[in-house]
Amino acid sequence: MNTYPTCCLVSACLTGLPTRYDGKSKPDPLCQQHLQKHIWIPVCPEQLGGLTTPRLPANLTGGDGHDVLQGKARVIRSDGEDVTTAFIQGANMVLNIAQQQNIQYCLLKSKSPSCGAGAVLGVTAALLRRHGISVIEYG
């Protein structure tokens, strides 16, 4: 019987790719150590949703990622533009990748309106959890 490493999704910025809103990365040593034992696919929900890099920062307004998915909250850029649709589209793209690859868990960037899974529950993290995919927060 062959044993293959588990495959996971990871926020691209945690791997060192310059995908953050400010065009920088946010490599996390603990996350990178975790990834050494696995096959991984880097994703950036905001880019997958059609937003550029760099881009203006955005914040959840009126609730968390679950609330955004239910239409009760929005994602608003620092200049006031509503980017909720792009965040939901990106979350759906990440979910699609996860389902196509039979992903059971994702390593996502903390405090992100897309990926946050702790004090800030982002749109992507909420959607993945809704579909039974575990989310682990780093950074």
Protein backbone atom coordinates (compact mmCIF):
# COMPACT_ATOMS: atom_id res chain seq x y z
CA MET A 1 0.00 0.00 0.00
CA ASN A 2 1.39 3.39 -1.01
CA THR A 3 1.01 6.25 1.42
CA TYR A 4 0.92 9.72 -0.08
CA PRO A 5 1.26 12.99 1.81
CA THR A 6 -1.99 14.77 2.56
CA CYS A 7 -2.85 17.61 0.20
CA CYS A 8 -4.00 20.95 1.58
CA LEU A 9 -4.71 24.47 0.41
CA VAL A 10 -2.69 27.35 1.83
CA SER A 11 -2.99 31.12 1.64
CA ALA A 12 -0.46 32.05 -1.02
CA CYS A 13 0.93 34.94 1.06
CA LEU A 14 1.94 32.49 3.82
CA THR A 15 4.19 30.66 1.35
CA GLY A 16 6.11 33.80 0.39
CA LEU A 17 4.15 34.72 -2.74
CA PRO A 18 3.47 38.49 -2.99
CA THR A 19 -0.34 38.27 -3.04
CA ARG A 20 -1.34 40.42 -0.05
CA TYR A 21 -3.33 43.59 -0.61
CA ASP A 22 -0.10 45.60 -0.27
CA GLY A 23 1.73 43.47 -2.85
CA LYS A 24 3.85 41.79 -0.19
CA SER A 25 3.94 38.31 1.29
CA LYS A 26 3.61 37.22 4.89
CA PRO A 27 5.66 34.01 5.15
CA ASP A 28 5.00 32.13 8.35
CA PRO A 29 7.78 29.77 9.54
CA LEU A 30 5.41 27.45 11.41
CA CYS A 31 3.14 27.19 8.40
CA GLN A 32 6.07 26.53 6.08
CA GLN A 33 7.33 23.83 8.45
CA HIS A 34 3.88 22.21 8.37
CA LEU A 35 3.86 22.31 4.56
CA GLN A 36 7.15 20.37 4.29
CA LYS A 37 5.25 17.18 5.07
CA HIS A 38 2.40 17.75 2.63
CA ILE A 39 1.46 18.42 -0.94
CA TRP A 40 -0.02 21.92 -1.04
CA ILE A 41 -1.78 24.28 -3.40
CA PRO A 42 -1.37 28.04 -2.85
CA VAL A 43 -4.54 30.12 -3.24
CA CYS A 44 -5.43 33.79 -2.89
CA PRO A 45 -9.21 34.17 -2.70
CA GLU A 46 -9.05 37.89 -3.38
CA GLN A 47 -7.08 37.40 -6.59
CA LEU A 48 -9.35 34.49 -7.58
CA GLY A 49 -12.27 36.86 -7.07
CA GLY A 50 -10.78 39.24 -9.64
CA LEU A 51 -9.11 41.81 -7.38
CA THR A 52 -5.71 43.16 -8.33
CA THR A 53 -2.46 43.10 -6.40
CA PRO A 54 -1.71 45.51 -4.94
CA ARG A 55 -5.20 46.63 -3.92
CA LEU A 56 -6.70 48.84 -1.25
CA PRO A 57 -7.28 47.10 2.09
CA ALA A 58 -10.80 45.92 2.85
CA ASN A 59 -12.68 45.11 6.02
CA LEU A 60 -15.77 43.19 6.99
CA THR A 61 -18.61 45.57 7.86
CA GLY A 62 -21.71 44.53 9.76
CA GLY A 63 -20.61 41.04 10.74
CA ASP A 64 -18.26 38.18 9.92
CA GLY A 65 -17.74 35.92 6.93
CA HIS A 66 -20.88 33.89 7.70
CA ASP A 67 -22.88 37.12 7.71
CA VAL A 68 -21.39 38.14 4.35
CA LEU A 69 -22.41 34.78 2.84
CA GLN A 70 -25.95 35.30 4.19
CA GLY A 71 -26.16 38.81 2.73
CA LYS A 72 -26.23 40.43 6.19
CA ALA A 73 -22.75 42.02 6.05
CA ARG A 74 -20.45 43.51 3.40
CA VAL A 75 -16.76 43.76 2.54
CA ILE A 76 -15.81 47.40 2.05
CA ARG A 77 -12.50 48.81 0.79
CA SER A 78 -10.79 51.68 2.56
CA ASP A 79 -12.08 54.06 -0.13
CA GLY A 80 -15.69 52.97 0.51
CA GLU A 81 -16.08 50.68 -2.52
CA ASP A 82 -18.10 47.52 -1.88
CA VAL A 83 -16.04 44.47 -2.92
CA THR A 84 -18.35 41.86 -1.39
CA THR A 85 -19.08 40.19 -4.73
CA ALA A 86 -15.36 39.68 -5.45
CA PHE A 87 -14.79 38.19 -1.97
CA ILE A 88 -17.69 35.76 -2.39
CA GLN A 89 -16.55 34.82 -5.90
CA GLY A 90 -13.02 34.16 -4.64
CA ALA A 91 -14.32 32.08 -1.73
CA ASN A 92 -16.37 30.00 -4.17
CA MET A 93 -13.32 29.48 -6.38
CA VAL A 94 -11.29 28.25 -3.40
CA LEU A 95 -14.13 25.93 -2.38
CA ASN A 96 -14.28 24.58 -5.94
CA ILE A 97 -10.54 23.83 -5.90
CA ALA A 98 -10.86 22.18 -2.49
CA GLN A 99 -13.73 19.99 -3.65
CA GLN A 100 -12.08 19.08 -6.95
CA GLN A 101 -8.91 18.00 -5.13
CA ASN A 102 -10.71 16.35 -2.19
CA ILE A 103 -9.04 18.76 0.25
CA GLN A 104 -9.86 18.13 3.91
CA TYR A 105 -8.13 21.17 5.42
CA CYS A 106 -6.70 24.57 4.60
CA LEU A 107 -3.99 26.72 6.18
CA LEU A 108 -5.18 30.30 6.00
CA LYS A 109 -3.85 33.76 6.91
CA SER A 110 -5.08 35.18 10.20
CA LYS A 111 -6.87 38.54 10.49
CA SER A 112 -7.80 38.55 6.80
CA PRO A 113 -11.32 39.47 5.63
CA SER A 114 -11.00 36.49 3.27
CA CYS A 115 -8.96 33.94 5.17
CA GLY A 116 -9.13 34.82 8.85
CA ALA A 117 -10.36 31.95 11.01
CA GLY A 118 -9.98 33.35 14.53
CA ALA A 119 -11.04 36.72 15.92
CA VAL A 120 -11.73 37.79 12.33
CA LEU A 121 -13.71 35.09 10.48
CA GLY A 122 -13.25 35.77 6.79
CA VAL A 123 -15.54 34.95 3.90
CA THR A 124 -13.44 32.07 2.52
CA ALA A 125 -12.86 30.51 5.94
CA ALA A 126 -16.60 30.66 6.66
CA LEU A 127 -17.51 29.05 3.33
CA LEU A 128 -14.96 26.26 3.73
CA ARG A 129 -16.15 25.50 7.25
CA ARG A 130 -19.76 25.50 6.03
CA HIS A 131 -18.75 22.68 3.69
CA GLY A 132 -16.94 20.63 6.33
CA ILE A 133 -13.40 21.63 5.42
CA SER A 134 -11.15 22.32 8.41
CA VAL A 135 -9.38 25.67 8.57
CA ILE A 136 -6.17 26.26 10.47
CA GLU A 137 -5.06 29.86 10.96
CA TYR A 138 -1.43 31.03 10.70
CA GLY A 139 0.39 34.33 10.75
